[in-house]
Amino acid sequence: MALAGASRPALPGVRGKKPCTPGSAGVGENGVRALSAMDKDKLHSLGITHILNAAHHTKGVSTDAQYYKGLPITYFGLKTLDERTFDMSCFFGPASKFIDMGLRTPGGK
């Protein structure tokens, strides 16, 4: 699934926000949640079929599509910045389409 759109300005009325740029990558860690995403056996036993990663290619986070290779998992990674001022609005459409696709998949989780 390709991310649509290019760099866009911040949302109207939101001053000081960085423009949403789908190709950008940030710095940060996801802590405990990242550990859950790294437990392939647990994901498999739970029947997880889709993973949406909002920290794709973030330093310290190694759970990309290659990590899940060999599992029946569809992966979608968002290259975001882990900053308060980062405008994630351009990712809402692609992310919601991916979630919808997962929910419409028979047995999708």
PDB file of N, CA and C in Angstrom:
ATOM      1  N   MET A   1       0.853  -1.160   0.000  1.00  0.00           N
ATOM      2  CA  MET A   1       0.000   0.000   0.000  1.00  0.00           C
ATOM      3  C   MET A   1       0.900   1.225   0.000  1.00  0.00           C
ATOM      4  N   ALA A   2       0.714   2.093  -0.928  1.00  0.00           N
ATOM      5  CA  ALA A   2       1.541   3.299  -1.028  1.00  0.00           C
ATOM      6  C   ALA A   2       0.893   4.440  -0.262  1.00  0.00           C
ATOM      7  N   LEU A   3       1.715   5.256   0.340  1.00  0.00           N
ATOM      8  CA  LEU A   3       1.210   6.437   1.015  1.00  0.00           C
ATOM      9  C   LEU A   3       0.896   7.488  -0.026  1.00  0.00           C
ATOM     10  N   ALA A   4      -0.280   8.060   0.062  1.00  0.00           N
ATOM     11  CA  ALA A   4      -0.682   9.076  -0.900  1.00  0.00           C
ATOM     12  C   ALA A   4      -0.325  10.456  -0.386  1.00  0.00           C
ATOM     13  N   GLY A   5      -0.109  11.348  -1.294  1.00  0.00           N
ATOM     14  CA  GLY A   5       0.110  12.740  -0.921  1.00  0.00           C
ATOM     15  C   GLY A   5       1.557  13.075  -0.684  1.00  0.00           C
ATOM     16  N   ALA A   6       1.831  14.320  -0.784  1.00  0.00           N
ATOM     17  CA  ALA A   6       3.174  14.832  -0.519  1.00  0.00           C
ATOM     18  C   ALA A   6       3.112  15.680   0.731  1.00  0.00           C
ATOM     19  N   SER A   7       4.149  16.445   0.951  1.00  0.00           N
ATOM     20  CA  SER A   7       4.198  17.319   2.113  1.00  0.00           C
ATOM     21  C   SER A   7       3.035  18.295   2.074  1.00  0.00           C
ATOM     22  N   ARG A   8       2.376  18.452   3.211  1.00  0.00           N
ATOM     23  CA  ARG A   8       1.265  19.387   3.302  1.00  0.00           C
ATOM     24  C   ARG A   8       1.521  20.338   4.456  1.00  0.00           C
ATOM     25  N   PRO A   9       0.937  21.520   4.393  1.00  0.00           N
ATOM     26  CA  PRO A   9       1.101  22.446   5.510  1.00  0.00           C
ATOM     27  C   PRO A   9       0.355  21.938   6.737  1.00  0.00           C
ATOM     28  N   ALA A  10       0.655  22.529   7.871  1.00  0.00           N
ATOM     29  CA  ALA A  10      -0.020  22.159   9.117  1.00  0.00           C
ATOM     30  C   ALA A  10      -1.511  22.419   8.993  1.00  0.00           C
ATOM     31  N   LEU A  11      -2.279  21.778   9.854  1.00  0.00           N
ATOM     32  CA  LEU A  11      -3.716  21.987   9.865  1.00  0.00           C
ATOM     33  C   LEU A  11      -4.034  23.445  10.148  1.00  0.00           C
ATOM     34  N   PRO A  12      -5.109  23.967   9.544  1.00  0.00           N
ATOM     35  CA  PRO A  12      -5.469  25.359   9.811  1.00  0.00           C
ATOM     36  C   PRO A  12      -5.688  25.582  11.301  1.00  0.00           C
ATOM     37  N   GLY A  13      -5.187  26.675  11.802  1.00  0.00           N
ATOM     38  CA  GLY A  13      -5.372  27.020  13.203  1.00  0.00           C
ATOM     39  C   GLY A  13      -4.400  26.335  14.146  1.00  0.00           C
ATOM     40  N   VAL A  14      -3.477  25.539  13.629  1.00  0.00           N
ATOM     41  CA  VAL A  14      -2.507  24.850  14.472  1.00  0.00           C
ATOM     42  C   VAL A  14      -1.142  25.447  14.176  1.00  0.00           C
ATOM     43  N   ARG A  15      -0.777  26.442  14.937  1.00  0.00           N
ATOM     44  CA  ARG A  15       0.479  27.151  14.697  1.00  0.00           C
ATOM     45  C   ARG A  15       1.665  26.389  15.254  1.00  0.00           C
ATOM     46  N   GLY A  16       2.791  26.544  14.581  1.00  0.00           N
ATOM     47  CA  GLY A  16       4.025  25.943  15.067  1.00  0.00           C
ATOM     48  C   GLY A  16       4.143  24.455  14.805  1.00  0.00           C
ATOM     49  N   LYS A  17       3.182  23.881  14.108  1.00  0.00           N
ATOM     50  CA  LYS A  17       3.235  22.449  13.818  1.00  0.00           C
ATOM     51  C   LYS A  17       4.088  22.206  12.586  1.00  0.00           C
ATOM     52  N   LYS A  18       4.829  21.102  12.598  1.00  0.00           N
ATOM     53  CA  LYS A  18       5.634  20.740  11.441  1.00  0.00           C
ATOM     54  C   LYS A  18       4.716  20.167  10.371  1.00  0.00           C
ATOM     55  N   PRO A  19       4.997  20.433   9.092  1.00  0.00           N
ATOM     56  CA  PRO A  19       4.151  19.883   8.033  1.00  0.00           C
ATOM     57  C   PRO A  19       4.244  18.367   7.995  1.00  0.00           C
ATOM     58  N   CYS A  20       3.166  17.750   7.593  1.00  0.00           N
ATOM     59  CA  CYS A  20       3.123  16.301   7.496  1.00  0.00           C
ATOM     60  C   CYS A  20       3.851  15.865   6.232  1.00  0.00           C
ATOM     61  N   THR A  21       4.876  15.060   6.397  1.00  0.00           N
ATOM     62  CA  THR A  21       5.675  14.583   5.275  1.00  0.00           C
ATOM     63  C   THR A  21       5.738  13.063   5.344  1.00  0.00           C
ATOM     64  N   PRO A  22       4.986  12.348   4.501  1.00  0.00           N
ATOM     65  CA  PRO A  22       4.941  10.896   4.594  1.00  0.00           C
ATOM     66  C   PRO A  22       6.290  10.194   4.546  1.00  0.00           C
ATOM     67  N   GLY A  23       7.313  10.749   3.932  1.00  0.00           N
ATOM     68  CA  GLY A  23       8.593  10.071   3.823  1.00  0.00           C
ATOM     69  C   GLY A  23       9.558  10.340   4.955  1.00  0.00           C
ATOM     70  N   SER A  24       9.175  11.141   5.932  1.00  0.00           N
ATOM     71  CA  SER A  24      10.111  11.483   7.003  1.00  0.00           C
ATOM     72  C   SER A  24      10.191  10.372   8.041  1.00  0.00           C
ATOM     73  N   ALA A  25      11.286  10.326   8.763  1.00  0.00           N
ATOM     74  CA  ALA A  25      11.475   9.335   9.824  1.00  0.00           C
ATOM     75  C   ALA A  25      11.893  10.057  11.088  1.00  0.00           C
ATOM     76  N   GLY A  26      11.463   9.538  12.223  1.00  0.00           N
ATOM     77  CA  GLY A  26      11.752  10.203  13.483  1.00  0.00           C
ATOM     78  C   GLY A  26      12.637   9.386  14.394  1.00  0.00           C
ATOM     79  N   VAL A  27      12.831   9.909  15.589  1.00  0.00           N
ATOM     80  CA  VAL A  27      13.657   9.259  16.594  1.00  0.00           C
ATOM     81  C   VAL A  27      12.796   9.023  17.817  1.00  0.00           C
ATOM     82  N   GLY A  28      12.904   7.864  18.402  1.00  0.00           N
ATOM     83  CA  GLY A  28      12.151   7.565  19.609  1.00  0.00           C
ATOM     84  C   GLY A  28      11.975   6.069  19.762  1.00  0.00           C
ATOM     85  N   GLU A  29      11.427   5.670  20.884  1.00  0.00           N
ATOM     86  CA  GLU A  29      11.169   4.261  21.122  1.00  0.00           C
ATOM     87  C   GLU A  29       9.745   4.101  21.611  1.00  0.00           C
ATOM     88  N   ASN A  30       9.206   2.918  21.426  1.00  0.00           N
ATOM     89  CA  ASN A  30       7.836   2.635  21.801  1.00  0.00           C
ATOM     90  C   ASN A  30       7.758   1.826  23.087  1.00  0.00           C
ATOM     91  N   GLY A  31       8.900   1.515  23.699  1.00  0.00           N
ATOM     92  CA  GLY A  31       8.933   0.855  24.999  1.00  0.00           C
ATOM     93  C   GLY A  31       8.211  -0.468  25.054  1.00  0.00           C
ATOM     94  N   VAL A  32       7.308  -0.605  26.013  1.00  0.00           N
ATOM     95  CA  VAL A  32       6.618  -1.863  26.280  1.00  0.00           C
ATOM     96  C   VAL A  32       5.837  -2.348  25.068  1.00  0.00           C
ATOM     97  N   ARG A  33       5.158  -1.464  24.378  1.00  0.00           N
ATOM     98  CA  ARG A  33       4.381  -1.877  23.213  1.00  0.00           C
ATOM     99  C   ARG A  33       5.272  -2.469  22.124  1.00  0.00           C
ATOM    100  N   ALA A  34       6.472  -1.940  21.982  1.00  0.00           N
ATOM    101  CA  ALA A  34       7.408  -2.488  20.996  1.00  0.00           C
ATOM    102  C   ALA A  34       7.758  -3.926  21.355  1.00  0.00           C
ATOM    103  N   LEU A  35       7.847  -4.222  22.645  1.00  0.00           N
ATOM    104  CA  LEU A  35       8.154  -5.587  23.062  1.00  0.00           C
ATOM    105  C   LEU A  35       7.045  -6.537  22.640  1.00  0.00           C
ATOM    106  N   SER A  36       5.791  -6.122  22.746  1.00  0.00           N
ATOM    107  CA  SER A  36       4.672  -6.953  22.319  1.00  0.00           C
ATOM    108  C   SER A  36       4.737  -7.211  20.827  1.00  0.00           C
ATOM    109  N   ALA A  37       5.064  -6.198  20.062  1.00  0.00           N
ATOM    110  CA  ALA A  37       5.150  -6.328  18.609  1.00  0.00           C
ATOM    111  C   ALA A  37       6.316  -7.208  18.190  1.00  0.00           C
ATOM    112  N   MET A  38       7.283  -7.398  19.071  1.00  0.00           N
ATOM    113  CA  MET A  38       8.454  -8.216  18.752  1.00  0.00           C
ATOM    114  C   MET A  38       8.261  -9.692  19.110  1.00  0.00           C
ATOM    115  N   ASP A  39       7.184 -10.012  19.808  1.00  0.00           N
ATOM    116  CA  ASP A  39       6.931 -11.390  20.226  1.00  0.00           C
ATOM    117  C   ASP A  39       6.159 -12.119  19.123  1.00  0.00           C
ATOM    118  N   LYS A  40       6.886 -12.663  18.162  1.00  0.00           N
ATOM    119  CA  LYS A  40       6.267 -13.310  16.999  1.00  0.00           C
ATOM    120  C   LYS A  40       5.402 -14.502  17.397  1.00  0.00           C
ATOM    121  N   ASP A  41       5.856 -15.277  18.378  1.00  0.00           N
ATOM    122  CA  ASP A  41       5.065 -16.427  18.823  1.00  0.00           C
ATOM    123  C   ASP A  41       3.727 -15.974  19.394  1.00  0.00           C
ATOM    124  N   LYS A  42       3.752 -14.919  20.181  1.00  0.00           N
ATOM    125  CA  LYS A  42       2.519 -14.396  20.777  1.00  0.00           C
ATOM    126  C   LYS A  42       1.584 -13.864  19.692  1.00  0.00           C
ATOM    127  N   LEU A  43       2.134 -13.101  18.757  1.00  0.00           N
ATOM    128  CA  LEU A  43       1.319 -12.576  17.656  1.00  0.00           C
ATOM    129  C   LEU A  43       0.666 -13.720  16.883  1.00  0.00           C
ATOM    130  N   HIS A  44       1.447 -14.754  16.602  1.00  0.00           N
ATOM    131  CA  HIS A  44       0.925 -15.907  15.865  1.00  0.00           C
ATOM    132  C   HIS A  44      -0.158 -16.621  16.672  1.00  0.00           C
ATOM    133  N   SER A  45       0.091 -16.837  17.977  1.00  0.00           N
ATOM    134  CA  SER A  45      -0.889 -17.542  18.812  1.00  0.00           C
ATOM    135  C   SER A  45      -2.184 -16.749  18.965  1.00  0.00           C
ATOM    136  N   LEU A  46      -2.090 -15.430  18.904  1.00  0.00           N
ATOM    137  CA  LEU A  46      -3.286 -14.585  18.988  1.00  0.00           C
ATOM    138  C   LEU A  46      -4.009 -14.471  17.648  1.00  0.00           C
ATOM    139  N   GLY A  47      -3.375 -14.956  16.598  1.00  0.00           N
ATOM    140  CA  GLY A  47      -3.988 -14.885  15.275  1.00  0.00           C
ATOM    141  C   GLY A  47      -3.927 -13.502  14.649  1.00  0.00           C
ATOM    142  N   ILE A  48      -2.951 -12.692  15.070  1.00  0.00           N
ATOM    143  CA  ILE A  48      -2.808 -11.342  14.519  1.00  0.00           C
ATOM    144  C   ILE A  48      -2.474 -11.449  13.034  1.00  0.00           C
ATOM    145  N   THR A  49      -3.228 -10.736  12.203  1.00  0.00           N
ATOM    146  CA  THR A  49      -3.043 -10.806  10.755  1.00  0.00           C
ATOM    147  C   THR A  49      -2.540  -9.505  10.148  1.00  0.00           C
ATOM    148  N   HIS A  50      -2.690  -8.401  10.863  1.00  0.00           N
ATOM    149  CA  HIS A  50      -2.311  -7.091  10.327  1.00  0.00           C
ATOM    150  C   HIS A  50      -1.600  -6.274  11.408  1.00  0.00           C
ATOM    151  N   ILE A  51      -0.535  -5.585  11.001  1.00  0.00           N
ATOM    152  CA  ILE A  51       0.192  -4.709  11.922  1.00  0.00           C
ATOM    153  C   ILE A  51       0.360  -3.346  11.280  1.00  0.00           C
ATOM    154  N   LEU A  52      -0.077  -2.320  11.998  1.00  0.00           N
ATOM    155  CA  LEU A  52       0.117  -0.923  11.606  1.00  0.00           C
ATOM    156  C   LEU A  52       1.170  -0.354  12.544  1.00  0.00           C
ATOM    157  N   ASN A  53       2.321  -0.006  12.009  1.00  0.00           N
ATOM    158  CA  ASN A  53       3.442   0.481  12.814  1.00  0.00           C
ATOM    159  C   ASN A  53       3.627   1.974  12.573  1.00  0.00           C
ATOM    160  N   ALA A  54       3.322   2.774  13.585  1.00  0.00           N
ATOM    161  CA  ALA A  54       3.486   4.231  13.473  1.00  0.00           C
ATOM    162  C   ALA A  54       4.908   4.668  13.799  1.00  0.00           C
ATOM    163  N   ALA A  55       5.804   3.714  13.997  1.00  0.00           N
ATOM    164  CA  ALA A  55       7.209   4.027  14.282  1.00  0.00           C
ATOM    165  C   ALA A  55       8.124   3.341  13.268  1.00  0.00           C
ATOM    166  N   HIS A  56       7.628   3.145  12.055  1.00  0.00           N
ATOM    167  CA  HIS A  56       8.389   2.466  11.006  1.00  0.00           C
ATOM    168  C   HIS A  56       9.704   3.188  10.741  1.00  0.00           C
ATOM    169  N   HIS A  57      10.790   2.453  10.771  1.00  0.00           N
ATOM    170  CA  HIS A  57      12.149   2.972  10.542  1.00  0.00           C
ATOM    171  C   HIS A  57      12.585   3.998  11.581  1.00  0.00           C
ATOM    172  N   THR A  58      11.998   3.958  12.761  1.00  0.00           N
ATOM    173  CA  THR A  58      12.420   4.829  13.850  1.00  0.00           C
ATOM    174  C   THR A  58      13.613   4.182  14.537  1.00  0.00           C
ATOM    175  N   LYS A  59      14.603   4.974  14.882  1.00  0.00           N
ATOM    176  CA  LYS A  59      15.795   4.453  15.556  1.00  0.00           C
ATOM    177  C   LYS A  59      15.379   3.673  16.807  1.00  0.00           C
ATOM    178  N   GLY A  60      15.899   2.483  16.940  1.00  0.00           N
ATOM    179  CA  GLY A  60      15.591   1.657  18.097  1.00  0.00           C
ATOM    180  C   GLY A  60      14.384   0.755  17.906  1.00  0.00           C
ATOM    181  N   VAL A  61      13.671   0.879  16.792  1.00  0.00           N
ATOM    182  CA  VAL A  61      12.498   0.050  16.521  1.00  0.00           C
ATOM    183  C   VAL A  61      12.806  -0.789  15.287  1.00  0.00           C
ATOM    184  N   SER A  62      12.911  -2.099  15.474  1.00  0.00           N
ATOM    185  CA  SER A  62      13.328  -2.964  14.373  1.00  0.00           C
ATOM    186  C   SER A  62      12.200  -3.811  13.798  1.00  0.00           C
ATOM    187  N   THR A  63      10.974  -3.463  14.100  1.00  0.00           N
ATOM    188  CA  THR A  63       9.841  -4.255  13.627  1.00  0.00           C
ATOM    189  C   THR A  63       9.301  -3.675  12.322  1.00  0.00           C
ATOM    190  N   ASP A  64       9.967  -4.012  11.221  1.00  0.00           N
ATOM    191  CA  ASP A  64       9.488  -3.596   9.909  1.00  0.00           C
ATOM    192  C   ASP A  64       8.938  -4.826   9.185  1.00  0.00           C
ATOM    193  N   ALA A  65       8.572  -4.689   7.927  1.00  0.00           N
ATOM    194  CA  ALA A  65       7.973  -5.797   7.174  1.00  0.00           C
ATOM    195  C   ALA A  65       8.886  -7.021   7.149  1.00  0.00           C
ATOM    196  N   GLN A  66      10.179  -6.814   7.034  1.00  0.00           N
ATOM    197  CA  GLN A  66      11.139  -7.919   6.993  1.00  0.00           C
ATOM    198  C   GLN A  66      11.118  -8.718   8.302  1.00  0.00           C
ATOM    199  N   TYR A  67      10.890  -8.043   9.414  1.00  0.00           N
ATOM    200  CA  TYR A  67      10.870  -8.702  10.721  1.00  0.00           C
ATOM    201  C   TYR A  67       9.770  -9.772  10.787  1.00  0.00           C
ATOM    202  N   TYR A  68       8.637  -9.502  10.138  1.00  0.00           N
ATOM    203  CA  TYR A  68       7.489 -10.408  10.191  1.00  0.00           C
ATOM    204  C   TYR A  68       7.455 -11.404   9.032  1.00  0.00           C
ATOM    205  N   LYS A  69       8.496 -11.420   8.210  1.00  0.00           N
ATOM    206  CA  LYS A  69       8.555 -12.334   7.073  1.00  0.00           C
ATOM    207  C   LYS A  69       8.399 -13.770   7.566  1.00  0.00           C
ATOM    208  N   GLY A  70       7.590 -14.533   6.863  1.00  0.00           N
ATOM    209  CA  GLY A  70       7.343 -15.921   7.247  1.00  0.00           C
ATOM    210  C   GLY A  70       6.099 -16.093   8.095  1.00  0.00           C
ATOM    211  N   LEU A  71       5.554 -15.006   8.611  1.00  0.00           N
ATOM    212  CA  LEU A  71       4.309 -15.056   9.376  1.00  0.00           C
ATOM    213  C   LEU A  71       3.165 -14.600   8.473  1.00  0.00           C
ATOM    214  N   PRO A  72       1.952 -15.081   8.732  1.00  0.00           N
ATOM    215  CA  PRO A  72       0.805 -14.642   7.930  1.00  0.00           C
ATOM    216  C   PRO A  72       0.317 -13.259   8.382  1.00  0.00           C
ATOM    217  N   ILE A  73       1.196 -12.269   8.266  1.00  0.00           N
ATOM    218  CA  ILE A  73       0.906 -10.912   8.737  1.00  0.00           C
ATOM    219  C   ILE A  73       1.088  -9.924   7.594  1.00  0.00           C
ATOM    220  N   THR A  74       0.105  -9.040   7.440  1.00  0.00           N
ATOM    221  CA  THR A  74       0.208  -7.936   6.495  1.00  0.00           C
ATOM    222  C   THR A  74       0.682  -6.727   7.285  1.00  0.00           C
ATOM    223  N   TYR A  75       1.756  -6.104   6.824  1.00  0.00           N
ATOM    224  CA  TYR A  75       2.411  -5.015   7.547  1.00  0.00           C
ATOM    225  C   TYR A  75       2.257  -3.695   6.800  1.00  0.00           C
ATOM    226  N   PHE A  76       2.033  -2.629   7.563  1.00  0.00           N
ATOM    227  CA  PHE A  76       1.992  -1.280   6.996  1.00  0.00           C
ATOM    228  C   PHE A  76       2.718  -0.346   7.953  1.00  0.00           C
ATOM    229  N   GLY A  77       3.799   0.257   7.491  1.00  0.00           N
ATOM    230  CA  GLY A  77       4.602   1.138   8.332  1.00  0.00           C
ATOM    231  C   GLY A  77       4.466   2.595   7.939  1.00  0.00           C
ATOM    232  N   LEU A  78       4.354   3.447   8.940  1.00  0.00           N
ATOM    233  CA  LEU A  78       4.270   4.895   8.734  1.00  0.00           C
ATOM    234  C   LEU A  78       5.574   5.529   9.196  1.00  0.00           C
ATOM    235  N   LYS A  79       6.174   6.326   8.339  1.00  0.00           N
ATOM    236  CA  LYS A  79       7.411   7.025   8.701  1.00  0.00           C
ATOM    237  C   LYS A  79       7.025   8.360   9.332  1.00  0.00           C
ATOM    238  N   THR A  80       6.979   8.368  10.644  1.00  0.00           N
ATOM    239  CA  THR A  80       6.544   9.549  11.384  1.00  0.00           C
ATOM    240  C   THR A  80       7.665  10.064  12.277  1.00  0.00           C
ATOM    241  N   LEU A  81       7.434  11.225  12.842  1.00  0.00           N
ATOM    242  CA  LEU A  81       8.354  11.794  13.823  1.00  0.00           C
ATOM    243  C   LEU A  81       7.729  11.670  15.200  1.00  0.00           C
ATOM    244  N   ASP A  82       8.503  11.273  16.177  1.00  0.00           N
ATOM    245  CA  ASP A  82       8.029  11.153  17.549  1.00  0.00           C
ATOM    246  C   ASP A  82       8.224  12.499  18.240  1.00  0.00           C
ATOM    247  N   GLU A  83       7.441  13.464  17.801  1.00  0.00           N
ATOM    248  CA  GLU A  83       7.510  14.822  18.340  1.00  0.00           C
ATOM    249  C   GLU A  83       6.104  15.379  18.505  1.00  0.00           C
ATOM    250  N   ARG A  84       5.894  16.142  19.537  1.00  0.00           N
ATOM    251  CA  ARG A  84       4.588  16.759  19.780  1.00  0.00           C
ATOM    252  C   ARG A  84       4.111  17.614  18.621  1.00  0.00           C
ATOM    253  N   THR A  85       5.030  18.266  17.946  1.00  0.00           N
ATOM    254  CA  THR A  85       4.645  19.202  16.894  1.00  0.00           C
ATOM    255  C   THR A  85       4.466  18.541  15.530  1.00  0.00           C
ATOM    256  N   PHE A  86       4.663  17.225  15.450  1.00  0.00           N
ATOM    257  CA  PHE A  86       4.533  16.548  14.163  1.00  0.00           C
ATOM    258  C   PHE A  86       3.068  16.379  13.791  1.00  0.00           C
ATOM    259  N   ASP A  87       2.709  16.815  12.605  1.00  0.00           N
ATOM    260  CA  ASP A  87       1.341  16.729  12.102  1.00  0.00           C
ATOM    261  C   ASP A  87       1.156  15.379  11.407  1.00  0.00           C
ATOM    262  N   MET A  88       0.414  14.484  12.040  1.00  0.00           N
ATOM    263  CA  MET A  88       0.197  13.147  11.481  1.00  0.00           C
ATOM    264  C   MET A  88      -1.031  13.068  10.593  1.00  0.00           C
ATOM    265  N   SER A  89      -1.687  14.185  10.356  1.00  0.00           N
ATOM    266  CA  SER A  89      -2.963  14.150   9.645  1.00  0.00           C
ATOM    267  C   SER A  89      -2.883  13.507   8.266  1.00  0.00           C
ATOM    268  N   CYS A  90      -1.759  13.624   7.576  1.00  0.00           N
ATOM    269  CA  CYS A  90      -1.676  13.021   6.238  1.00  0.00           C
ATOM    270  C   CYS A  90      -1.631  11.495   6.301  1.00  0.00           C
ATOM    271  N   PHE A  91      -1.410  10.935   7.470  1.00  0.00           N
ATOM    272  CA  PHE A  91      -1.368   9.485   7.618  1.00  0.00           C
ATOM    273  C   PHE A  91      -2.735   8.894   7.976  1.00  0.00           C
ATOM    274  N   PHE A  92      -3.692   9.729   8.382  1.00  0.00           N
ATOM    275  CA  PHE A  92      -4.985   9.220   8.826  1.00  0.00           C
ATOM    276  C   PHE A  92      -5.707   8.442   7.728  1.00  0.00           C
ATOM    277  N   GLY A  93      -5.728   8.974   6.513  1.00  0.00           N
ATOM    278  CA  GLY A  93      -6.406   8.296   5.402  1.00  0.00           C
ATOM    279  C   GLY A  93      -5.787   6.950   5.084  1.00  0.00           C
ATOM    280  N   PRO A  94      -4.470   6.899   4.793  1.00  0.00           N
ATOM    281  CA  PRO A  94      -3.849   5.607   4.500  1.00  0.00           C
ATOM    282  C   PRO A  94      -3.963   4.612   5.663  1.00  0.00           C
ATOM    283  N   ALA A  95      -3.814   5.101   6.892  1.00  0.00           N
ATOM    284  CA  ALA A  95      -3.906   4.203   8.053  1.00  0.00           C
ATOM    285  C   ALA A  95      -5.321   3.649   8.197  1.00  0.00           C
ATOM    286  N   SER A  96      -6.331   4.496   8.025  1.00  0.00           N
ATOM    287  CA  SER A  96      -7.709   4.018   8.170  1.00  0.00           C
ATOM    288  C   SER A  96      -8.069   3.037   7.055  1.00  0.00           C
ATOM    289  N   LYS A  97      -7.541   3.246   5.854  1.00  0.00           N
ATOM    290  CA  LYS A  97      -7.779   2.287   4.763  1.00  0.00           C
ATOM    291  C   LYS A  97      -7.148   0.934   5.089  1.00  0.00           C
ATOM    292  N   PHE A  98      -5.950   0.962   5.661  1.00  0.00           N
ATOM    293  CA  PHE A  98      -5.282  -0.282   6.040  1.00  0.00           C
ATOM    294  C   PHE A  98      -6.070  -0.999   7.138  1.00  0.00           C
ATOM    295  N   ILE A  99      -6.524  -0.259   8.136  1.00  0.00           N
ATOM    296  CA  ILE A  99      -7.318  -0.853   9.222  1.00  0.00           C
ATOM    297  C   ILE A  99      -8.604  -1.446   8.667  1.00  0.00           C
ATOM    298  N   ASP A 100      -9.280  -0.702   7.790  1.00  0.00           N
ATOM    299  CA  ASP A 100     -10.515  -1.184   7.177  1.00  0.00           C
ATOM    300  C   ASP A 100     -10.258  -2.473   6.394  1.00  0.00           C
ATOM    301  N   MET A 101      -9.156  -2.503   5.638  1.00  0.00           N
ATOM    302  CA  MET A 101      -8.801  -3.695   4.877  1.00  0.00           C
ATOM    303  C   MET A 101      -8.619  -4.885   5.823  1.00  0.00           C
ATOM    304  N   GLY A 102      -7.943  -4.659   6.946  1.00  0.00           N
ATOM    305  CA  GLY A 102      -7.737  -5.730   7.914  1.00  0.00           C
ATOM    306  C   GLY A 102      -9.034  -6.230   8.518  1.00  0.00           C
ATOM    307  N   LEU A 103      -9.930  -5.306   8.835  1.00  0.00           N
ATOM    308  CA  LEU A 103     -11.211  -5.689   9.423  1.00  0.00           C
ATOM    309  C   LEU A 103     -12.107  -6.412   8.428  1.00  0.00           C
ATOM    310  N   ARG A 104     -11.968  -6.095   7.156  1.00  0.00           N
ATOM    311  CA  ARG A 104     -12.775  -6.747   6.118  1.00  0.00           C
ATOM    312  C   ARG A 104     -12.200  -8.096   5.675  1.00  0.00           C
ATOM    313  N   THR A 105     -10.973  -8.363   6.047  1.00  0.00           N
ATOM    314  CA  THR A 105     -10.347  -9.642   5.712  1.00  0.00           C
ATOM    315  C   THR A 105     -10.961 -10.731   6.587  1.00  0.00           C
ATOM    316  N   PRO A 106     -11.460 -11.822   5.992  1.00  0.00           N
ATOM    317  CA  PRO A 106     -12.014 -12.900   6.816  1.00  0.00           C
ATOM    318  C   PRO A 106     -10.990 -13.372   7.859  1.00  0.00           C
ATOM    319  N   GLY A 107     -11.389 -13.331   9.113  1.00  0.00           N
ATOM    320  CA  GLY A 107     -10.504 -13.724  10.209  1.00  0.00           C
ATOM    321  C   GLY A 107      -9.453 -12.689  10.551  1.00  0.00           C
ATOM    322  N   GLY A 108      -9.565 -11.500   9.968  1.00  0.00           N
ATOM    323  CA  GLY A 108      -8.561 -10.453  10.184  1.00  0.00           C
ATOM    324  C   GLY A 108      -8.561  -9.912  11.600  1.00  0.00           C
ATOM    325  N   LYS A 109      -7.356  -9.726  12.124  1.00  0.00           N
ATOM    326  CA  LYS A 109      -7.157  -9.133  13.456  1.00  0.00           C
ATOM    327  C   LYS A 109      -6.017  -8.161  13.380  1.00  0.00           C
TER     328      LYS A 109
END
